[in-house]
N, C-alpha and C. Protein backbone atom coordinates (compact mmCIF):
# COMPACT_ATOMS: atom_id res chain seq x y z
N MET A 1 256.83 145.33 198.87
CA MET A 1 255.39 145.18 199.02
C MET A 1 254.97 143.72 198.88
N ASP A 2 255.71 142.97 198.07
CA ASP A 2 255.39 141.55 197.91
C ASP A 2 255.60 140.79 199.22
N VAL A 3 256.56 141.26 200.02
CA VAL A 3 256.83 140.60 201.30
C VAL A 3 255.64 140.76 202.24
N VAL A 4 255.01 141.93 202.23
CA VAL A 4 253.87 142.19 203.10
C VAL A 4 252.72 141.26 202.74
N PHE A 5 252.50 141.02 201.47
CA PHE A 5 251.42 140.13 201.05
C PHE A 5 251.70 138.69 201.46
N GLY A 6 252.94 138.34 201.65
CA GLY A 6 253.27 137.00 202.13
C GLY A 6 253.22 136.90 203.65
N LEU A 7 253.57 137.99 204.33
CA LEU A 7 253.62 137.95 205.79
C LEU A 7 252.24 138.04 206.44
N ILE A 8 251.31 138.74 205.81
CA ILE A 8 249.98 138.88 206.40
C ILE A 8 249.29 137.52 206.55
N PRO A 9 249.22 136.69 205.53
CA PRO A 9 248.60 135.36 205.73
C PRO A 9 249.37 134.49 206.72
N LEU A 10 250.69 134.62 206.72
CA LEU A 10 251.51 133.85 207.64
C LEU A 10 251.21 134.24 209.09
N MET A 11 251.10 135.53 209.37
CA MET A 11 250.79 135.99 210.72
C MET A 11 249.36 135.62 211.12
N LEU A 12 248.43 135.66 210.19
CA LEU A 12 247.06 135.22 210.48
C LEU A 12 247.03 133.74 210.83
N PHE A 13 247.81 132.94 210.11
CA PHE A 13 247.89 131.51 210.40
C PHE A 13 248.46 131.27 211.80
N PHE A 14 249.56 131.95 212.15
CA PHE A 14 250.16 131.78 213.47
C PHE A 14 249.23 132.27 214.58
N GLY A 15 248.50 133.34 214.33
CA GLY A 15 247.53 133.83 215.32
C GLY A 15 246.42 132.82 215.54
N PHE A 16 245.91 132.24 214.46
CA PHE A 16 244.89 131.21 214.57
C PHE A 16 245.42 129.99 215.32
N LEU A 17 246.67 129.62 215.05
CA LEU A 17 247.29 128.48 215.71
C LEU A 17 247.43 128.73 217.22
N VAL A 18 247.79 129.93 217.61
CA VAL A 18 247.91 130.28 219.03
C VAL A 18 246.55 130.18 219.72
N VAL A 19 245.51 130.66 219.07
CA VAL A 19 244.16 130.59 219.65
C VAL A 19 243.72 129.13 219.81
N VAL A 20 243.99 128.30 218.83
CA VAL A 20 243.62 126.88 218.89
C VAL A 20 244.37 126.19 220.03
N VAL A 21 245.67 126.45 220.15
CA VAL A 21 246.46 125.83 221.23
C VAL A 21 245.96 126.31 222.60
N PHE A 22 245.63 127.57 222.73
CA PHE A 22 245.11 128.09 223.99
C PHE A 22 243.79 127.42 224.37
N ILE A 23 242.89 127.27 223.43
CA ILE A 23 241.61 126.61 223.70
C ILE A 23 241.84 125.15 224.08
N TRP A 24 242.74 124.47 223.39
CA TRP A 24 243.05 123.07 223.71
C TRP A 24 243.61 122.95 225.13
N MET A 25 244.51 123.86 225.50
CA MET A 25 245.09 123.81 226.85
C MET A 25 244.03 124.09 227.91
N ALA A 26 243.11 124.99 227.64
CA ALA A 26 242.06 125.30 228.61
C ALA A 26 241.12 124.11 228.79
N LYS A 27 240.83 123.40 227.72
CA LYS A 27 239.93 122.25 227.81
C LYS A 27 240.58 121.05 228.48
N THR A 28 241.89 120.90 228.36
CA THR A 28 242.56 119.73 228.95
C THR A 28 242.99 119.97 230.39
N GLY A 29 242.75 121.15 230.93
CA GLY A 29 242.98 121.40 232.35
C GLY A 29 244.35 121.93 232.72
N HIS A 30 245.05 122.52 231.80
CA HIS A 30 246.38 123.06 232.11
C HIS A 30 246.32 124.29 233.00
N PHE A 31 245.19 124.95 233.07
CA PHE A 31 245.07 126.17 233.86
C PHE A 31 244.21 125.96 235.11
N ASP A 32 243.99 124.72 235.53
CA ASP A 32 243.10 124.46 236.66
C ASP A 32 243.70 124.88 238.00
N ASP A 33 244.96 124.55 238.25
CA ASP A 33 245.58 124.82 239.55
C ASP A 33 246.77 125.75 239.36
N LEU A 34 246.51 127.06 239.37
CA LEU A 34 247.58 128.02 239.14
C LEU A 34 248.37 128.32 240.40
N ASP A 35 247.77 128.13 241.58
CA ASP A 35 248.44 128.46 242.84
C ASP A 35 249.09 127.26 243.50
N GLY A 36 248.82 126.07 243.04
CA GLY A 36 249.36 124.88 243.69
C GLY A 36 250.87 124.83 243.70
N ALA A 37 251.49 125.10 242.57
CA ALA A 37 252.95 125.06 242.51
C ALA A 37 253.57 126.19 243.32
N ALA A 38 252.91 127.33 243.35
CA ALA A 38 253.45 128.46 244.11
C ALA A 38 253.38 128.20 245.61
N ASN A 39 252.36 127.51 246.06
CA ASN A 39 252.21 127.24 247.49
C ASN A 39 252.93 125.98 247.94
N SER A 40 253.36 125.15 247.01
CA SER A 40 254.00 123.90 247.40
C SER A 40 255.34 124.14 248.10
N ILE A 41 255.96 125.26 247.86
CA ILE A 41 257.23 125.55 248.52
C ILE A 41 257.04 125.68 250.02
N PHE A 42 255.88 126.14 250.45
CA PHE A 42 255.62 126.28 251.88
C PHE A 42 255.29 124.93 252.52
N MET A 43 254.70 124.04 251.77
CA MET A 43 254.32 122.73 252.30
C MET A 43 255.51 121.80 252.44
N ASP A 44 256.53 121.95 251.62
CA ASP A 44 257.68 121.06 251.64
C ASP A 44 258.57 121.28 252.86
N ASP A 45 258.50 122.43 253.50
CA ASP A 45 259.37 122.72 254.63
C ASP A 45 259.16 121.74 255.78
N GLU A 46 257.94 121.32 256.02
CA GLU A 46 257.66 120.41 257.12
C GLU A 46 258.31 119.05 256.90
N TYR A 47 258.32 118.57 255.68
CA TYR A 47 258.89 117.27 255.40
C TYR A 47 260.41 117.29 255.44
N GLU A 48 261.01 118.38 255.02
CA GLU A 48 262.46 118.49 255.06
C GLU A 48 262.98 118.46 256.49
N GLU A 49 262.22 119.01 257.41
CA GLU A 49 262.63 119.06 258.81
C GLU A 49 262.74 117.64 259.38
N ASP A 50 261.83 116.75 258.99
CA ASP A 50 261.85 115.38 259.49
C ASP A 50 262.96 114.55 258.86
N LYS A 51 263.41 114.91 257.68
CA LYS A 51 264.41 114.13 256.97
C LYS A 51 265.84 114.45 257.38
N SER A 52 266.04 115.49 258.16
CA SER A 52 267.41 115.87 258.49
C SER A 52 268.04 114.81 259.38
N PRO A 53 269.31 114.48 259.16
CA PRO A 53 269.97 113.43 259.95
C PRO A 53 270.09 113.80 261.42
N LEU A 54 270.25 115.07 261.73
CA LEU A 54 270.38 115.49 263.12
C LEU A 54 269.10 115.21 263.90
N LYS A 55 267.96 115.51 263.29
CA LYS A 55 266.68 115.27 263.96
C LYS A 55 266.45 113.78 264.18
N SER A 56 266.77 112.95 263.19
CA SER A 56 266.56 111.52 263.36
C SER A 56 267.49 110.95 264.42
N LYS A 57 268.70 111.45 264.50
CA LYS A 57 269.64 111.00 265.53
C LYS A 57 269.14 111.40 266.92
N GLU A 58 268.59 112.61 267.05
CA GLU A 58 268.03 113.05 268.32
C GLU A 58 266.86 112.17 268.74
N LYS A 59 266.04 111.77 267.78
CA LYS A 59 264.90 110.90 268.08
C LYS A 59 265.39 109.54 268.59
N GLU A 60 266.43 109.00 267.96
CA GLU A 60 266.97 107.71 268.40
C GLU A 60 267.51 107.80 269.82
N ILE A 61 268.23 108.87 270.13
CA ILE A 61 268.79 109.05 271.47
C ILE A 61 267.67 109.18 272.49
N ASN A 62 266.64 109.93 272.17
CA ASN A 62 265.50 110.09 273.09
C ASN A 62 264.79 108.77 273.33
N GLN A 63 264.65 107.95 272.28
CA GLN A 63 263.99 106.66 272.44
C GLN A 63 264.83 105.73 273.31
N GLU A 64 266.14 105.73 273.09
CA GLU A 64 267.03 104.88 273.90
C GLU A 64 267.00 105.32 275.36
N THR A 65 267.02 106.61 275.60
CA THR A 65 267.01 107.14 276.96
C THR A 65 265.71 106.79 277.67
N SER A 66 264.59 106.94 276.98
CA SER A 66 263.30 106.62 277.60
C SER A 66 263.18 105.12 277.83
N ALA A 67 263.75 104.29 276.96
CA ALA A 67 263.71 102.84 277.16
C ALA A 67 264.53 102.45 278.37
N LYS A 68 265.69 103.06 278.54
CA LYS A 68 266.54 102.76 279.70
C LYS A 68 265.88 103.21 281.00
N GLN A 69 265.20 104.35 280.96
CA GLN A 69 264.52 104.85 282.15
C GLN A 69 263.35 103.96 282.54
N SER A 70 262.65 103.44 281.55
CA SER A 70 261.51 102.57 281.85
C SER A 70 261.99 101.22 282.39
N GLU A 71 263.18 100.76 281.98
CA GLU A 71 263.73 99.51 282.50
C GLU A 71 264.14 99.67 283.96
N LYS A 72 264.63 100.83 284.34
CA LYS A 72 265.07 101.07 285.71
C LYS A 72 263.89 101.11 286.67
N GLN A 73 262.74 101.52 286.19
CA GLN A 73 261.57 101.66 287.07
C GLN A 73 260.94 100.33 287.21
């Protein structure tokens, strides 16, 4: 029974601490953008496509070919 009398104030203290931390996080803006990180995976796909070495090599070949064709004309 002595343990219960020690645990009750301890749990009340931890509960109060959790509420204080939650209020602090809400005021500092930690919960402002909940969907941004979830949607960022869809936005990154466009940039990865441009960074691939195959695509950049194809662009170089196309530019060289168009430059040669314009010189011939």
